[in-house]
Amino acid sequence: MTALELIIYALATFRLALMFSKERGPCNIFNWVRERLCIRAKCLTQGVHCLWCWSVWIGAFLSLYYWLRGPEIIVTALALSGTAVILNQAFTQHEGENDKRIGF
């Protein structure tokens, strides 16, 4: 894995972990996933809202994806989206401490 690939996969991991842990998603899909995980496995109740917890599982999945050499366009799109979120958070003035748009 090159340094550029590492950065791209790290950003893709960040983006997916953020979506699954904090965002509502289109048609509340990410809320639905979190609710189902909490119902099926009581021990996951706190973990489904944890960005760091999701990043471990998503990082493992993307490592397998890299090893199997899936289409790079998917990971690249997620990396670009993750970069956009990071830049938005870094350079946008937010009222108060929390950004309500993405569920922080």
C-alpha atoms as a PDB file:
ATOM      1  CA  MET A   1       0.000   0.000   0.000  1.00  0.00           C
ATOM      2  CA  THR A   2       1.407   3.353  -1.012  1.00  0.00           C
ATOM      3  CA  ALA A   3       1.209   6.450   1.175  1.00  0.00           C
ATOM      4  CA  LEU A   4      -1.488   7.912  -1.092  1.00  0.00           C
ATOM      5  CA  GLU A   5      -3.550   4.728  -0.870  1.00  0.00           C
ATOM      6  CA  LEU A   6      -3.203   4.773   2.909  1.00  0.00           C
ATOM      7  CA  ILE A   7      -4.510   8.344   3.062  1.00  0.00           C
ATOM      8  CA  ILE A   8      -7.393   7.515   0.732  1.00  0.00           C
ATOM      9  CA  TYR A   9      -8.388   4.432   2.733  1.00  0.00           C
ATOM     10  CA  ALA A  10      -8.038   6.325   6.022  1.00  0.00           C
ATOM     11  CA  LEU A  11     -10.337   9.080   4.770  1.00  0.00           C
ATOM     12  CA  ALA A  12     -12.821   6.498   3.463  1.00  0.00           C
ATOM     13  CA  THR A  13     -12.779   4.770   6.863  1.00  0.00           C
ATOM     14  CA  PHE A  14     -13.403   8.090   8.587  1.00  0.00           C
ATOM     15  CA  ARG A  15     -16.316   8.911   6.289  1.00  0.00           C
ATOM     16  CA  LEU A  16     -18.051   5.560   6.673  1.00  0.00           C
ATOM     17  CA  ALA A  17     -17.513   5.532  10.446  1.00  0.00           C
ATOM     18  CA  LEU A  18     -18.935   9.050  10.713  1.00  0.00           C
ATOM     19  CA  MET A  19     -21.980   8.130   8.629  1.00  0.00           C
ATOM     20  CA  PHE A  20     -22.767   4.987  10.617  1.00  0.00           C
ATOM     21  CA  SER A  21     -22.090   6.467  14.060  1.00  0.00           C
ATOM     22  CA  LYS A  22     -23.483  10.005  13.844  1.00  0.00           C
ATOM     23  CA  GLU A  23     -25.578  10.761  10.768  1.00  0.00           C
ATOM     24  CA  ARG A  24     -29.225  10.069  10.039  1.00  0.00           C
ATOM     25  CA  GLY A  25     -28.618   9.282   6.385  1.00  0.00           C
ATOM     26  CA  PRO A  26     -31.093   9.260   3.515  1.00  0.00           C
ATOM     27  CA  CYS A  27     -34.486   7.982   4.691  1.00  0.00           C
ATOM     28  CA  ASN A  28     -32.972   7.564   8.194  1.00  0.00           C
ATOM     29  CA  ILE A  29     -31.040   4.479   7.052  1.00  0.00           C
ATOM     30  CA  PHE A  30     -28.166   4.929   9.513  1.00  0.00           C
ATOM     31  CA  ASN A  31     -30.562   5.480  12.425  1.00  0.00           C
ATOM     32  CA  TRP A  32     -32.346   2.298  11.350  1.00  0.00           C
ATOM     33  CA  VAL A  33     -29.055   0.333  11.319  1.00  0.00           C
ATOM     34  CA  ARG A  34     -28.100   1.635  14.777  1.00  0.00           C
ATOM     35  CA  GLU A  35     -31.548   0.783  16.193  1.00  0.00           C
ATOM     36  CA  ARG A  36     -31.415  -2.772  14.788  1.00  0.00           C
ATOM     37  CA  LEU A  37     -27.936  -3.336  16.215  1.00  0.00           C
ATOM     38  CA  CYS A  38     -29.084  -2.120  19.633  1.00  0.00           C
ATOM     39  CA  ILE A  39     -32.128  -4.429  19.574  1.00  0.00           C
ATOM     40  CA  ARG A  40     -30.239  -7.533  18.410  1.00  0.00           C
ATOM     41  CA  ALA A  41     -27.151  -7.124  20.585  1.00  0.00           C
ATOM     42  CA  LYS A  42     -27.641  -5.231  23.819  1.00  0.00           C
ATOM     43  CA  CYS A  43     -23.873  -5.061  24.298  1.00  0.00           C
ATOM     44  CA  LEU A  44     -23.570  -2.884  21.164  1.00  0.00           C
ATOM     45  CA  THR A  45     -25.837  -0.137  22.490  1.00  0.00           C
ATOM     46  CA  GLN A  46     -23.011   2.286  23.291  1.00  0.00           C
ATOM     47  CA  GLY A  47     -20.745   1.156  20.466  1.00  0.00           C
ATOM     48  CA  VAL A  48     -23.173   2.026  17.683  1.00  0.00           C
ATOM     49  CA  HIS A  49     -22.788   5.734  18.487  1.00  0.00           C
ATOM     50  CA  CYS A  50     -18.990   5.580  18.795  1.00  0.00           C
ATOM     51  CA  LEU A  51     -16.969   6.862  15.821  1.00  0.00           C
ATOM     52  CA  TRP A  52     -13.851   5.092  17.071  1.00  0.00           C
ATOM     53  CA  CYS A  53     -15.680   1.753  17.463  1.00  0.00           C
ATOM     54  CA  TRP A  54     -17.102   1.931  13.946  1.00  0.00           C
ATOM     55  CA  SER A  55     -13.704   2.910  12.538  1.00  0.00           C
ATOM     56  CA  VAL A  56     -12.157  -0.343  13.795  1.00  0.00           C
ATOM     57  CA  TRP A  57     -14.762  -2.517  12.050  1.00  0.00           C
ATOM     58  CA  ILE A  58     -14.874  -0.411   8.902  1.00  0.00           C
ATOM     59  CA  GLY A  59     -11.078  -0.287   8.765  1.00  0.00           C
ATOM     60  CA  ALA A  60     -11.006  -4.088   8.925  1.00  0.00           C
ATOM     61  CA  PHE A  61     -13.615  -4.309   6.164  1.00  0.00           C
ATOM     62  CA  LEU A  62     -11.748  -1.837   3.937  1.00  0.00           C
ATOM     63  CA  SER A  63      -8.494  -3.714   4.548  1.00  0.00           C
ATOM     64  CA  LEU A  64     -10.151  -6.851   3.206  1.00  0.00           C
ATOM     65  CA  TYR A  65     -11.605  -4.788   0.358  1.00  0.00           C
ATOM     66  CA  TYR A  66      -8.097  -3.523  -0.469  1.00  0.00           C
ATOM     67  CA  TRP A  67      -6.674  -7.028  -0.305  1.00  0.00           C
ATOM     68  CA  LEU A  68      -9.355  -8.303  -2.702  1.00  0.00           C
ATOM     69  CA  ARG A  69      -8.812  -5.240  -4.919  1.00  0.00           C
ATOM     70  CA  GLY A  70     -12.333  -3.952  -5.286  1.00  0.00           C
ATOM     71  CA  PRO A  71     -13.129  -1.000  -7.545  1.00  0.00           C
ATOM     72  CA  GLU A  72     -11.118   2.013  -6.381  1.00  0.00           C
ATOM     73  CA  ILE A  73     -13.854   4.470  -7.370  1.00  0.00           C
ATOM     74  CA  ILE A  74     -15.942   3.512  -4.321  1.00  0.00           C
ATOM     75  CA  VAL A  75     -13.125   4.130  -1.835  1.00  0.00           C
ATOM     76  CA  THR A  76     -12.033   7.284  -3.648  1.00  0.00           C
ATOM     77  CA  ALA A  77     -15.572   8.705  -3.504  1.00  0.00           C
ATOM     78  CA  LEU A  78     -15.747   8.014   0.231  1.00  0.00           C
ATOM     79  CA  ALA A  79     -12.313   9.608   0.732  1.00  0.00           C
ATOM     80  CA  LEU A  80     -13.373  12.739  -1.105  1.00  0.00           C
ATOM     81  CA  SER A  81     -16.561  12.910   0.945  1.00  0.00           C
ATOM     82  CA  GLY A  82     -14.562  12.480   4.155  1.00  0.00           C
ATOM     83  CA  THR A  83     -12.217  15.264   3.114  1.00  0.00           C
ATOM     84  CA  ALA A  84     -15.192  17.541   2.431  1.00  0.00           C
ATOM     85  CA  VAL A  85     -16.602  16.836   5.903  1.00  0.00           C
ATOM     86  CA  ILE A  86     -13.240  17.518   7.553  1.00  0.00           C
ATOM     87  CA  LEU A  87     -12.827  20.796   5.661  1.00  0.00           C
ATOM     88  CA  ASN A  88     -16.398  21.816   6.467  1.00  0.00           C
ATOM     89  CA  GLN A  89     -15.839  21.179  10.164  1.00  0.00           C
ATOM     90  CA  ALA A  90     -12.495  22.971  10.141  1.00  0.00           C
ATOM     91  CA  PHE A  91     -13.546  26.118   8.299  1.00  0.00           C
ATOM     92  CA  THR A  92     -17.219  26.627   9.167  1.00  0.00           C
ATOM     93  CA  GLN A  93     -18.349  28.736  12.083  1.00  0.00           C
ATOM     94  CA  HIS A  94     -20.829  26.766  14.153  1.00  0.00           C
ATOM     95  CA  GLU A  95     -23.287  28.107  16.658  1.00  0.00           C
ATOM     96  CA  GLY A  96     -22.512  26.525  19.979  1.00  0.00           C
ATOM     97  CA  GLU A  97     -20.391  23.496  20.527  1.00  0.00           C
ATOM     98  CA  ASN A  98     -22.291  20.962  18.421  1.00  0.00           C
ATOM     99  CA  ASP A  99     -22.946  20.738  14.694  1.00  0.00           C
ATOM    100  CA  LYS A 100     -26.586  19.689  14.421  1.00  0.00           C
ATOM    101  CA  ARG A 101     -26.399  19.016  10.679  1.00  0.00           C
ATOM    102  CA  ILE A 102     -24.491  15.759  11.023  1.00  0.00           C
ATOM    103  CA  GLY A 103     -25.613  14.759  14.476  1.00  0.00           C
ATOM    104  CA  PHE A 104     -22.652  15.659  16.670  1.00  0.00           C
END
